[in-house]
C-alpha cells in the first residue's frame, strides 16, 4: 500500500489537445534535455512531444504550495521532474 504525502494537495491534470508550447518554453526544454542547437535541430520534435506528454498511469501532480512534484499511487514513488522527462532526455 502506498503512503500518501501529507499536508499536500493533489492536482488534476488538464489535457489541452490544442496546447502548443511557446518558442521560449520549447527552447528552454531543448536546453534542459541537453540538446545543442543548431546541431540537434532535427531532434527538436522530441522536446515538443515531451512538453505535451500526459502523465503515465497512476501518476498525479501534487503541490505543497511552493512547488509541484509527481506521486505514483501504485508504487508510492515521488519525483520532482515529470515522470516522462527521463524518457525524452534519453
Protein backbone atom coordinates (compact mmCIF):
# COMPACT_ATOMS: atom_id res chain seq x y z
CA UNK A 1 0.00 0.00 0.00
CA UNK A 2 1.33 3.42 -0.97
CA UNK A 3 1.97 6.02 1.70
CA UNK A 4 0.49 9.31 0.54
CA UNK A 5 2.25 12.62 1.14
CA UNK A 6 0.80 14.70 3.96
CA UNK A 7 -0.08 18.42 4.01
CA UNK A 8 -0.11 18.48 0.24
CA UNK A 9 -2.82 18.84 -2.39
CA UNK A 10 -3.36 16.56 -5.35
CA UNK A 11 -3.91 18.40 -8.61
CA UNK A 12 -5.86 17.22 -11.61
CA UNK A 13 -4.01 17.11 -14.89
CA UNK A 14 -5.84 19.11 -17.53
CA UNK A 15 -5.08 17.98 -21.06
CA UNK A 16 -5.49 20.64 -23.73
CA UNK A 17 -5.35 18.93 -27.12
CA UNK A 18 -4.62 22.30 -28.72
CA UNK A 19 -1.68 23.17 -26.44
CA UNK A 20 1.46 24.25 -28.27
CA UNK A 21 4.46 25.35 -26.22
CA UNK A 22 5.80 28.82 -26.85
CA UNK A 23 9.14 29.13 -28.62
CA UNK A 24 10.67 30.23 -25.29
CA UNK A 25 9.26 27.16 -23.46
CA UNK A 26 10.42 24.89 -26.24
CA UNK A 27 13.97 26.30 -26.31
CA UNK A 28 14.23 26.11 -22.51
CA UNK A 29 13.22 22.43 -22.59
CA UNK A 30 15.56 21.77 -25.54
CA UNK A 31 18.46 23.07 -23.42
CA UNK A 32 17.24 21.24 -20.29
CA UNK A 33 17.16 17.96 -22.24
CA UNK A 34 20.81 18.57 -23.17
CA UNK A 35 20.36 19.37 -26.84
CA UNK A 36 22.59 21.86 -28.62
CA UNK A 37 21.34 23.97 -31.48
CA UNK A 38 21.82 24.08 -34.39
CA UNK A 39 23.43 20.62 -34.22
CA UNK A 40 20.31 18.97 -32.78
CA UNK A 41 17.72 20.94 -34.75
CA UNK A 42 16.39 17.68 -36.22
CA UNK A 43 15.58 16.48 -32.67
CA UNK A 44 13.53 19.49 -31.52
CA UNK A 45 10.36 17.49 -32.22
CA UNK A 46 11.32 15.30 -29.24
CA UNK A 47 11.27 18.33 -26.93
CA UNK A 48 7.91 19.46 -28.32
CA UNK A 49 6.48 15.98 -27.76
CA UNK A 50 7.91 15.89 -24.23
CA UNK A 51 6.27 19.19 -23.28
CA UNK A 52 2.93 17.86 -24.45
CA UNK A 53 3.25 14.40 -22.87
CA UNK A 54 0.50 13.40 -20.43
CA UNK A 55 1.34 11.76 -17.15
CA UNK A 56 1.67 7.97 -17.23
CA UNK A 57 -0.92 5.81 -15.47
CA UNK A 58 -1.06 6.13 -11.66
CA UNK A 59 0.88 9.42 -11.61
CA UNK A 60 -0.68 12.63 -10.28
CA UNK A 61 0.77 16.11 -9.77
CA UNK A 62 0.88 17.34 -6.18
CA UNK A 63 1.71 20.70 -4.67
CA UNK A 64 2.96 21.76 -1.27
CA UNK A 65 2.03 25.37 -2.05
CA UNK A 66 5.58 26.12 -3.19
CA UNK A 67 6.46 23.51 -5.79
CA UNK A 68 4.86 20.84 -7.91
CA UNK A 69 6.03 17.24 -7.75
CA UNK A 70 4.64 13.95 -9.00
CA UNK A 71 3.38 10.99 -6.98
CA UNK A 72 2.70 7.46 -8.22
CA UNK A 73 -0.31 5.95 -6.45
CA UNK A 74 0.68 2.39 -7.42
CA UNK A 75 4.36 2.35 -6.43
CA UNK A 76 4.46 5.12 -3.82
CA UNK A 77 7.31 6.82 -5.73
CA UNK A 78 7.55 10.60 -5.92
CA UNK A 79 9.72 12.70 -8.21
CA UNK A 80 10.30 16.41 -8.79
CA UNK A 81 10.54 16.09 -12.57
CA UNK A 82 7.71 14.99 -14.88
CA UNK A 83 7.85 11.17 -14.93
CA UNK A 84 8.36 11.20 -18.72
CA UNK A 85 11.32 13.63 -18.69
CA UNK A 86 13.96 10.90 -18.44
CA UNK A 87 12.45 9.12 -21.45
CA UNK A 88 12.67 12.26 -23.58
CA UNK A 89 16.14 13.11 -22.27
CA UNK A 90 17.39 9.70 -23.35
